[in-house]
Amino acid sequence: MKNIFDKFSSTGILVIGDLMIDQYVWGRVRRISPEAPVPVVEVTEENLLLGGAANVANNVLSLGGKVFITGAVGTDETGKILINKFREKGLSTDGIIVDGSRPTTVKTRVIAHSQQVVRFDREVKSDISRSTLSSILGYVKDCLPEIKGIIISDYCKGLITRTLIRKTLEIAGPDVFIAVDPKIGHFDYYKGASLITPNINEASHGSGIDITDEKSLFAAGRVLLAKLQGKAVIITRGDEGMTLFEKSGKITNIPTCAREVYDVSGAGDTVIAALTLCHAAGASLKDAAVLANHAAGVVVGKIGTAVATPQEIIKSMKSCKPRENKN
C-alpha cells in the first residue's frame, strides 16, 4: 500500500457531479420551546464545508491525488464561497460553471450534543441547461491528457443526466476508469461505467431485489453487474463493510473494523474517492476496496463532512480489529 500511496501525487482524477456546501450549525439544548414541542438550540458555532461532489474532490486532494473538478454553482454568495474554498486549497476552478438560473445547493444540519436535530436543503433539482452541459463536456475533453480516472458523483440535483454520462463515456473511451456513486432512479444512466458503489438501499432499488441477507445481497450484486456491464460493483453495507463483485464472477466480502461511529455524512464520498484514486494508481480492485473501507472508517469517526489522510488510513490498517459479521 505504501507504494500505491507514493503514486497518488501523479495520478489525475476528474470529479464530475453535484457541487454543494454542507452548513453545520452547532449548539446545545437546555429547554423545550413554549411555542411547540421542539428543542430550542442555542447556537454556539457555524461551519461551511465542501459537500457532495466538492467533498469527493476534497477527499482525493486529502489523499494526495491530483484532482480536477467540474460542476455548476449559482451566482449567489454560497457559490462564491464554494469557489473560494477550492482556491484556498490550491484547486483549479476552471471546470466550475456559474449558472445564474439555479442556486448553489446547501444542506444545513443543526447539531446539538453530537446529535443531528434537523436538516434542511436549499436546492433546484431540474436538469442543467444545454450550455452548462456543453461547457462541462468541453472541460472533460480538456482534462483527458491529465487523468487516469473519472468519478461521477450523483446526488440527483440536476447535474448528472443521461446525456452527460453517455457523452462522458464516449469522450473518455475504454482506457479511462470511470466510477459512479449512484442514486435511486438513475441506475439505467450508468450502463458502461467501470464501477458503481451503491449502498444497500440503492442496490435493492437498482437490482429490484430486496436485500435482507447474504443470499439476496449476492443476487443483487450479480444482477447489477449484468445490467450495467461494467468491470465491478461494490455494495457498501454500513457497519458490515462492503462486498465487491467483479466481472470475473469473484465475490469478496470486506469487513469493517470495530470502531465508534459519530457521523456517516459523506462516507460514500470518501469511499469512491479513495477507491478510484487507489485503483487508478495501479492497485487491484480488491486492494483499492480495502483501502477505501479503511478511509470510510476514519471519516465516520469524525463529526461533520470529513476527509481521510494516508497517515490515518495506515494507522487504521495497523490497528484494525475486524467487526463480527452479523450474517
Protein backbone atom coordinates (compact mmCIF):
# COMPACT_ATOMS: atom_id res chain seq x y z
CA MET A 1 0.00 0.00 0.00
CA LYS A 2 2.91 2.37 0.69
CA ASN A 3 3.99 2.01 -2.96
CA ILE A 4 0.46 2.86 -4.09
CA PHE A 5 0.30 5.93 -1.83
CA ASP A 6 3.54 7.17 -3.41
CA LYS A 7 1.85 7.13 -6.84
CA PHE A 8 -1.13 9.26 -5.79
CA SER A 9 0.55 12.61 -6.50
CA SER A 10 0.96 11.71 -10.17
CA THR A 11 -2.49 10.16 -10.58
CA GLY A 12 -5.03 12.57 -12.06
CA ILE A 13 -8.71 12.13 -11.15
CA LEU A 14 -11.58 14.16 -12.62
CA VAL A 15 -14.68 14.58 -10.43
CA ILE A 16 -17.96 15.36 -12.20
CA GLY A 17 -21.00 15.96 -10.04
CA ASP A 18 -23.38 17.98 -7.92
CA LEU A 19 -21.41 20.64 -6.05
CA MET A 20 -22.79 21.81 -2.73
CA ILE A 21 -21.99 23.40 0.59
CA ASP A 22 -22.59 21.50 3.84
CA GLN A 23 -23.51 24.00 6.53
CA TYR A 24 -23.24 22.86 10.14
CA VAL A 25 -24.96 24.80 12.91
CA TRP A 26 -23.65 23.63 16.30
CA GLY A 27 -25.34 24.25 19.60
CA ARG A 28 -26.76 22.90 22.84
CA VAL A 29 -30.28 22.18 24.05
CA ARG A 30 -31.38 23.17 27.53
CA ARG A 31 -35.12 23.56 27.13
CA ILE A 32 -38.16 22.81 25.00
CA SER A 33 -39.83 25.64 23.12
CA PRO A 34 -43.03 27.00 24.77
CA GLU A 35 -44.42 27.54 21.26
CA ALA A 36 -44.22 23.91 20.10
CA PRO A 37 -42.86 20.56 21.39
CA VAL A 38 -39.42 21.09 19.79
CA PRO A 39 -35.97 21.66 21.32
CA VAL A 40 -34.53 25.16 21.45
CA VAL A 41 -30.97 25.02 20.08
CA GLU A 42 -28.65 27.68 21.47
CA VAL A 43 -26.20 28.20 18.58
CA THR A 44 -22.52 28.18 19.58
CA GLU A 45 -20.77 27.74 16.23
CA GLU A 46 -21.34 27.52 12.47
CA ASN A 47 -19.22 25.91 9.74
CA LEU A 48 -19.38 25.86 5.96
CA LEU A 49 -17.77 22.75 4.43
CA LEU A 50 -17.43 21.35 0.92
CA GLY A 51 -20.22 18.87 0.22
CA GLY A 52 -21.41 16.48 -2.48
CA ALA A 53 -19.02 16.22 -5.42
CA ALA A 54 -16.96 19.02 -3.85
CA ASN A 55 -16.36 16.73 -0.86
CA VAL A 56 -15.33 13.91 -3.21
CA ALA A 57 -12.71 16.20 -4.74
CA ASN A 58 -11.59 17.28 -1.27
CA ASN A 59 -11.11 13.61 -0.32
CA VAL A 60 -8.99 12.94 -3.42
CA LEU A 61 -6.91 16.00 -2.51
CA SER A 62 -6.53 14.91 1.12
CA LEU A 63 -5.19 11.54 -0.03
CA GLY A 64 -2.55 13.29 -2.15
CA GLY A 65 -4.16 12.83 -5.55
CA LYS A 66 -4.08 15.24 -8.47
CA VAL A 67 -7.69 16.38 -8.69
CA PHE A 68 -9.77 18.18 -11.32
CA ILE A 69 -13.44 19.04 -10.81
CA THR A 70 -16.38 20.20 -12.88
CA GLY A 71 -19.93 21.08 -11.88
CA ALA A 72 -22.24 24.06 -11.52
CA VAL A 73 -22.88 26.70 -8.88
CA GLY A 74 -25.19 29.70 -8.76
CA THR A 75 -24.33 33.38 -8.84
CA ASP A 76 -25.21 33.62 -5.13
CA GLU A 77 -22.89 34.22 -2.20
CA THR A 78 -22.75 30.48 -1.43
CA GLY A 79 -21.41 29.77 -4.91
CA LYS A 80 -18.68 32.37 -4.37
CA ILE A 81 -17.82 30.78 -1.02
CA LEU A 82 -17.53 27.33 -2.63
CA ILE A 83 -15.24 28.62 -5.39
CA ASN A 84 -13.09 30.47 -2.85
CA LYS A 85 -12.76 27.34 -0.72
CA PHE A 86 -11.39 25.48 -3.75
CA ARG A 87 -8.93 28.28 -4.49
CA GLU A 88 -7.76 28.29 -0.87
CA LYS A 89 -6.91 24.61 -1.27
CA GLY A 90 -4.98 25.32 -4.46
CA LEU A 91 -7.54 23.60 -6.70
CA SER A 92 -8.34 24.85 -10.20
CA THR A 93 -11.85 26.24 -10.60
CA ASP A 94 -11.70 26.26 -14.42
CA GLY A 95 -14.29 23.48 -14.58
CA ILE A 96 -16.84 25.14 -12.28
CA ILE A 97 -19.66 26.65 -14.31
CA VAL A 98 -21.52 29.64 -12.83
CA ASP A 99 -25.19 29.26 -13.78
CA GLY A 100 -27.46 32.19 -12.91
CA SER A 101 -30.63 30.12 -13.44
CA ARG A 102 -30.14 27.94 -10.34
CA PRO A 103 -28.94 28.40 -6.75
CA THR A 104 -25.92 26.72 -5.22
CA THR A 105 -27.13 23.66 -3.29
CA VAL A 106 -26.84 23.99 0.50
CA LYS A 107 -27.54 21.29 3.08
CA THR A 108 -27.89 22.73 6.58
CA ARG A 109 -27.57 20.39 9.54
CA VAL A 110 -28.33 21.51 13.08
CA ILE A 111 -26.25 19.54 15.60
CA ALA A 112 -26.75 19.57 19.37
CA HIS A 113 -24.78 17.38 21.79
CA SER A 114 -23.30 15.45 18.83
CA GLN A 115 -26.77 14.55 17.53
CA GLN A 116 -28.41 15.87 14.36
CA VAL A 117 -31.60 17.70 15.32
CA VAL A 118 -32.83 18.63 11.84
CA ARG A 119 -31.60 19.09 8.27
CA PHE A 120 -32.99 21.40 5.63
CA ASP A 121 -31.94 21.71 1.97
CA ARG A 122 -31.94 24.66 -0.42
CA GLU A 123 -31.76 23.42 -4.00
CA VAL A 124 -33.19 23.18 -7.50
CA LYS A 125 -33.27 19.67 -8.98
CA SER A 126 -34.11 20.44 -12.61
CA ASP A 127 -31.63 19.30 -15.27
CA ILE A 128 -28.76 21.62 -16.16
CA SER A 129 -29.06 23.74 -19.31
CA ARG A 130 -27.60 22.73 -22.67
CA SER A 131 -24.96 25.44 -22.42
CA THR A 132 -23.84 24.20 -18.98
CA LEU A 133 -23.75 20.63 -20.28
CA SER A 134 -21.64 21.71 -23.26
CA SER A 135 -19.19 23.57 -21.02
CA ILE A 136 -18.79 20.55 -18.73
CA LEU A 137 -18.16 18.17 -21.62
CA GLY A 138 -15.61 20.60 -23.04
CA TYR A 139 -13.78 20.53 -19.71
CA VAL A 140 -13.83 16.71 -19.70
CA LYS A 141 -12.10 16.73 -23.10
CA ASP A 142 -9.51 19.23 -21.86
CA CYS A 143 -8.68 17.06 -18.83
CA LEU A 144 -8.25 13.75 -20.66
CA PRO A 145 -4.45 14.00 -21.16
CA GLU A 146 -4.04 14.63 -17.40
CA ILE A 147 -6.28 11.96 -15.85
CA LYS A 148 -6.38 8.22 -15.22
CA GLY A 149 -9.84 8.06 -13.69
CA ILE A 150 -13.21 9.83 -13.57
CA ILE A 151 -15.62 9.92 -10.63
CA ILE A 152 -19.27 10.69 -11.32
CA SER A 153 -20.84 11.88 -8.06
CA ASP A 154 -24.61 11.78 -8.49
CA TYR A 155 -26.71 13.48 -5.81
CA CYS A 156 -29.81 13.88 -8.04
CA LYS A 157 -29.52 17.67 -8.00
CA GLY A 158 -29.78 18.04 -11.80
CA LEU A 159 -26.18 17.90 -12.98
CA ILE A 160 -25.93 14.18 -13.74
CA THR A 161 -28.14 13.45 -16.73
CA ARG A 162 -28.35 10.51 -19.11
CA THR A 163 -26.80 12.61 -21.87
CA LEU A 164 -23.91 13.79 -19.70
CA ILE A 165 -22.93 10.25 -18.75
CA ARG A 166 -23.33 8.91 -22.30
CA LYS A 167 -21.18 11.71 -23.73
CA THR A 168 -18.58 11.36 -20.95
CA LEU A 169 -18.23 7.63 -21.67
CA GLU A 170 -17.79 8.40 -25.38
CA ILE A 171 -15.16 11.08 -24.73
CA ALA A 172 -13.21 9.02 -22.19
CA GLY A 173 -13.16 5.80 -24.18
CA PRO A 174 -12.37 2.35 -22.75
CA ASP A 175 -8.98 3.20 -21.24
CA VAL A 176 -10.20 5.62 -18.53
CA PHE A 177 -11.57 4.06 -15.33
CA ILE A 178 -14.99 5.58 -14.59
CA ALA A 179 -16.57 5.10 -11.16
CA VAL A 180 -20.10 6.21 -10.22
CA ASP A 181 -21.58 6.95 -6.81
CA PRO A 182 -25.19 6.28 -7.83
CA LYS A 183 -28.62 7.46 -6.77
CA ILE A 184 -32.01 5.76 -6.89
CA GLY A 185 -33.84 6.44 -10.15
CA HIS A 186 -30.72 6.88 -12.27
CA PHE A 187 -29.35 3.34 -12.47
CA ASP A 188 -30.16 2.99 -16.16
CA TYR A 189 -27.92 6.02 -16.81
CA TYR A 190 -24.78 4.20 -15.65
CA LYS A 191 -24.57 1.39 -18.19
CA GLY A 192 -20.99 1.05 -19.42
CA ALA A 193 -19.31 2.70 -16.42
CA SER A 194 -16.38 0.74 -14.97
CA LEU A 195 -17.71 0.61 -11.40
CA ILE A 196 -20.66 1.69 -9.26
CA THR A 197 -20.74 1.93 -5.46
CA PRO A 198 -24.37 1.75 -4.24
CA ASN A 199 -25.33 1.31 -0.61
CA ILE A 200 -27.78 -1.44 0.43
CA ASN A 201 -30.89 0.67 -0.21
CA GLU A 202 -29.68 1.90 -3.61
CA ALA A 203 -28.60 -1.61 -4.64
CA SER A 204 -32.02 -3.00 -3.67
CA HIS A 205 -33.82 -0.45 -5.84
CA GLY A 206 -31.36 -0.73 -8.72
CA SER A 207 -31.49 -4.52 -8.87
CA GLY A 208 -35.16 -4.98 -7.97
CA ILE A 209 -34.12 -7.37 -5.18
CA ASP A 210 -34.88 -6.66 -1.52
CA ILE A 211 -31.54 -7.23 0.19
CA THR A 212 -32.16 -8.89 3.55
CA ASP A 213 -29.34 -11.44 3.85
CA GLU A 214 -26.18 -12.63 2.14
CA LYS A 215 -28.07 -14.68 -0.45
CA SER A 216 -30.14 -11.70 -1.62
CA LEU A 217 -27.03 -9.47 -1.42
CA PHE A 218 -25.12 -11.76 -3.79
CA ALA A 219 -28.11 -11.99 -6.14
CA ALA A 220 -28.47 -8.20 -6.27
CA GLY A 221 -24.76 -7.71 -6.96
CA ARG A 222 -24.83 -10.17 -9.85
CA VAL A 223 -27.95 -8.52 -11.33
CA LEU A 224 -26.36 -5.05 -11.19
CA LEU A 225 -23.15 -6.32 -12.74
CA ALA A 226 -25.08 -7.91 -15.62
CA LYS A 227 -27.36 -4.89 -16.11
CA LEU A 228 -24.64 -2.26 -16.15
CA GLN A 229 -21.99 -4.32 -17.97
CA GLY A 230 -19.16 -2.76 -16.03
CA LYS A 231 -15.94 -4.01 -14.50
CA ALA A 232 -17.26 -4.28 -10.95
CA VAL A 233 -19.93 -3.38 -8.41
CA ILE A 234 -19.21 -2.56 -4.77
CA ILE A 235 -22.18 -2.59 -2.39
CA THR A 236 -21.44 -0.64 0.79
CA ARG A 237 -23.10 -2.13 3.86
CA GLY A 238 -22.57 0.30 6.71
CA ASP A 239 -21.08 -1.36 9.79
CA GLU A 240 -20.91 -4.67 7.89
CA GLY A 241 -18.33 -3.30 5.48
CA MET A 242 -18.65 -3.75 1.74
CA THR A 243 -18.91 -6.50 -0.86
CA LEU A 244 -17.00 -6.44 -4.15
CA PHE A 245 -18.50 -8.16 -7.22
CA GLU A 246 -16.06 -8.49 -10.13
CA LYS A 247 -16.77 -9.25 -13.77
CA SER A 248 -14.80 -12.50 -13.42
CA GLY A 249 -17.50 -13.76 -11.03
CA LYS A 250 -15.39 -13.35 -7.91
CA ILE A 251 -17.17 -12.00 -4.82
CA THR A 252 -15.21 -10.57 -1.88
CA ASN A 253 -16.63 -9.52 1.49
CA ILE A 254 -14.58 -6.79 3.19
CA PRO A 255 -15.45 -6.31 6.88
CA THR A 256 -15.20 -3.04 8.78
CA CYS A 257 -13.00 -2.53 11.82
CA ALA A 258 -14.60 -2.31 15.24
CA ARG A 259 -14.75 1.43 15.99
CA GLU A 260 -17.02 4.12 17.36
CA VAL A 261 -19.18 5.84 14.75
CA TYR A 262 -20.07 9.52 15.19
CA ASP A 263 -21.33 10.67 11.78
CA VAL A 264 -21.83 8.82 8.47
CA SER A 265 -22.27 12.06 6.46
CA GLY A 266 -20.01 11.97 3.41
CA ALA A 267 -18.72 8.43 3.97
CA GLY A 268 -19.80 7.45 0.45
CA ASP A 269 -17.79 10.38 -0.94
CA THR A 270 -14.70 9.07 0.85
CA VAL A 271 -15.25 5.52 -0.42
CA ILE A 272 -15.45 6.44 -4.09
CA ALA A 273 -12.59 8.96 -3.85
CA ALA A 274 -10.20 6.51 -2.17
CA LEU A 275 -11.22 3.55 -4.30
CA THR A 276 -10.92 5.35 -7.65
CA LEU A 277 -7.61 7.02 -6.80
CA CYS A 278 -6.12 3.77 -5.49
CA HIS A 279 -7.20 1.67 -8.48
CA ALA A 280 -6.15 4.35 -10.99
CA ALA A 281 -2.73 4.39 -9.29
CA GLY A 282 -2.30 0.68 -10.02
CA ALA A 283 -3.86 -1.27 -7.14
CA SER A 284 -6.20 -4.20 -7.76
CA LEU A 285 -9.88 -3.58 -7.19
CA LYS A 286 -9.74 -5.71 -4.04
CA ASP A 287 -6.82 -3.77 -2.55
CA ALA A 288 -8.45 -0.49 -3.56
CA ALA A 289 -11.68 -1.56 -1.84
CA VAL A 290 -9.79 -2.48 1.33
CA LEU A 291 -8.14 0.94 1.40
CA ALA A 292 -11.47 2.68 0.72
CA ASN A 293 -13.07 0.70 3.55
CA HIS A 294 -10.42 1.94 5.99
CA ALA A 295 -10.76 5.51 4.68
CA ALA A 296 -14.52 5.40 5.32
CA GLY A 297 -13.87 4.04 8.80
CA VAL A 298 -11.66 7.03 9.51
CA VAL A 299 -14.24 9.65 8.45
CA VAL A 300 -17.23 8.13 10.29
CA GLY A 301 -15.21 8.55 13.47
CA LYS A 302 -15.36 12.34 12.94
CA ILE A 303 -18.34 14.68 13.26
CA GLY A 304 -19.32 16.53 10.10
CA THR A 305 -18.30 16.10 6.48
CA ALA A 306 -14.69 14.92 6.77
CA VAL A 307 -11.70 13.57 4.87
CA ALA A 308 -9.08 10.89 5.50
CA THR A 309 -5.32 11.19 5.10
CA PRO A 310 -2.86 8.44 4.10
CA GLN A 311 -1.40 8.54 7.64
CA GLU A 312 -4.85 7.95 9.19
CA ILE A 313 -5.53 5.06 6.79
CA ILE A 314 -2.20 3.39 7.57
CA LYS A 315 -2.89 3.75 11.30
CA SER A 316 -6.34 2.19 10.79
CA MET A 317 -4.84 -0.75 8.88
CA LYS A 318 -2.31 -1.41 11.62
CA SER A 319 -4.81 -1.25 14.49
CA CYS A 320 -7.86 -2.86 12.85
CA LYS A 321 -9.84 -5.48 14.71
CA PRO A 322 -12.47 -6.74 12.22
CA ARG A 323 -16.05 -6.34 13.35
CA GLU A 324 -18.03 -9.58 13.57
CA ASN A 325 -20.32 -10.07 10.56
CA LYS A 326 -23.98 -10.16 11.60
CA ASN A 327 -24.71 -12.76 8.94
